[in-house]
Amino acid sequence: MKTLLLWLRGFVQASATRETDWGMVMAASMMVAVPVIAFFMIVQSKMSSGLVGGAVKD
């Protein structure tokens, strides 16, 4: 089982004998980045409120 970054690196290494298809590499990069960004946007407010709430002393 490979991590997403190793899977992405496979696109570049697979084309080592021929010209790299940068369009395919960029599409694969977006497939890796979009779920991470979406997850961050969903939990950002909960993380920041949890950190601030834990730092406030009653």
C-alpha atoms as a PDB file:
ATOM      1  CA  MET A   1       0.000   0.000   0.000  1.00  0.00           C
ATOM      2  CA  LYS A   2       1.395   3.379  -0.995  1.00  0.00           C
ATOM      3  CA  THR A   3       0.822   6.819   0.428  1.00  0.00           C
ATOM      4  CA  LEU A   4      -0.664   9.429  -1.871  1.00  0.00           C
ATOM      5  CA  LEU A   5       2.669  11.191  -2.345  1.00  0.00           C
ATOM      6  CA  LEU A   6       4.388   7.962  -3.391  1.00  0.00           C
ATOM      7  CA  TRP A   7       1.518   7.320  -5.798  1.00  0.00           C
ATOM      8  CA  LEU A   8       1.993  10.807  -7.214  1.00  0.00           C
ATOM      9  CA  ARG A   9       5.746  10.294  -7.539  1.00  0.00           C
ATOM     10  CA  GLY A  10       5.001   7.171  -9.555  1.00  0.00           C
ATOM     11  CA  PHE A  11       3.528   9.349 -12.305  1.00  0.00           C
ATOM     12  CA  VAL A  12       6.834  11.160 -12.752  1.00  0.00           C
ATOM     13  CA  GLN A  13       9.026   8.066 -12.425  1.00  0.00           C
ATOM     14  CA  ALA A  14       6.865   6.016 -14.783  1.00  0.00           C
ATOM     15  CA  SER A  15       7.607   8.521 -17.497  1.00  0.00           C
ATOM     16  CA  ALA A  16      11.371   8.564 -16.895  1.00  0.00           C
ATOM     17  CA  THR A  17      11.994   6.892 -20.240  1.00  0.00           C
ATOM     18  CA  ARG A  18       9.725   9.280 -22.105  1.00  0.00           C
ATOM     19  CA  GLU A  19       8.664  12.896 -21.771  1.00  0.00           C
ATOM     20  CA  THR A  20       6.769  13.637 -18.555  1.00  0.00           C
ATOM     21  CA  ASP A  21       3.067  14.324 -19.056  1.00  0.00           C
ATOM     22  CA  TRP A  22       2.812  17.351 -16.777  1.00  0.00           C
ATOM     23  CA  GLY A  23      -0.914  17.642 -17.350  1.00  0.00           C
ATOM     24  CA  MET A  24      -1.395  14.189 -15.849  1.00  0.00           C
ATOM     25  CA  VAL A  25       0.954  15.021 -12.971  1.00  0.00           C
ATOM     26  CA  MET A  26      -0.955  18.240 -12.205  1.00  0.00           C
ATOM     27  CA  ALA A  27      -4.299  16.416 -12.355  1.00  0.00           C
ATOM     28  CA  ALA A  28      -2.998  13.790  -9.940  1.00  0.00           C
ATOM     29  CA  SER A  29      -1.645  16.560  -7.690  1.00  0.00           C
ATOM     30  CA  MET A  30      -5.104  18.108  -7.526  1.00  0.00           C
ATOM     31  CA  MET A  31      -6.598  14.719  -6.668  1.00  0.00           C
ATOM     32  CA  VAL A  32      -4.188  14.560  -3.721  1.00  0.00           C
ATOM     33  CA  ALA A  33      -4.535  18.191  -2.594  1.00  0.00           C
ATOM     34  CA  VAL A  34      -8.296  18.783  -2.819  1.00  0.00           C
ATOM     35  CA  PRO A  35      -9.353  16.303  -0.077  1.00  0.00           C
ATOM     36  CA  VAL A  36      -6.691  17.668   2.282  1.00  0.00           C
ATOM     37  CA  ILE A  37      -7.786  21.265   1.684  1.00  0.00           C
ATOM     38  CA  ALA A  38     -11.465  20.335   2.045  1.00  0.00           C
ATOM     39  CA  PHE A  39     -10.785  18.540   5.337  1.00  0.00           C
ATOM     40  CA  PHE A  40      -8.855  21.540   6.645  1.00  0.00           C
ATOM     41  CA  MET A  41     -11.648  23.942   5.711  1.00  0.00           C
ATOM     42  CA  ILE A  42     -14.254  21.765   7.447  1.00  0.00           C
ATOM     43  CA  VAL A  43     -12.376  21.325  10.735  1.00  0.00           C
ATOM     44  CA  GLN A  44     -10.596  24.694  10.866  1.00  0.00           C
ATOM     45  CA  SER A  45     -13.211  26.438  12.996  1.00  0.00           C
ATOM     46  CA  LYS A  46     -13.510  23.482  15.362  1.00  0.00           C
ATOM     47  CA  MET A  47      -9.743  23.251  15.796  1.00  0.00           C
ATOM     48  CA  SER A  48      -9.272  26.954  16.451  1.00  0.00           C
ATOM     49  CA  SER A  49     -12.207  27.149  18.889  1.00  0.00           C
ATOM     50  CA  GLY A  50     -10.889  24.081  20.708  1.00  0.00           C
ATOM     51  CA  LEU A  51      -7.421  25.559  21.018  1.00  0.00           C
ATOM     52  CA  VAL A  52      -8.727  28.915  22.227  1.00  0.00           C
ATOM     53  CA  GLY A  53     -11.204  27.275  24.593  1.00  0.00           C
ATOM     54  CA  GLY A  54      -8.485  25.120  26.105  1.00  0.00           C
ATOM     55  CA  ALA A  55      -6.185  28.083  26.625  1.00  0.00           C
ATOM     56  CA  VAL A  56      -8.762  30.184  28.492  1.00  0.00           C
ATOM     57  CA  LYS A  57      -8.576  29.715  32.228  1.00  0.00           C
ATOM     58  CA  ASP A  58     -11.756  30.202  34.275  1.00  0.00           C
END
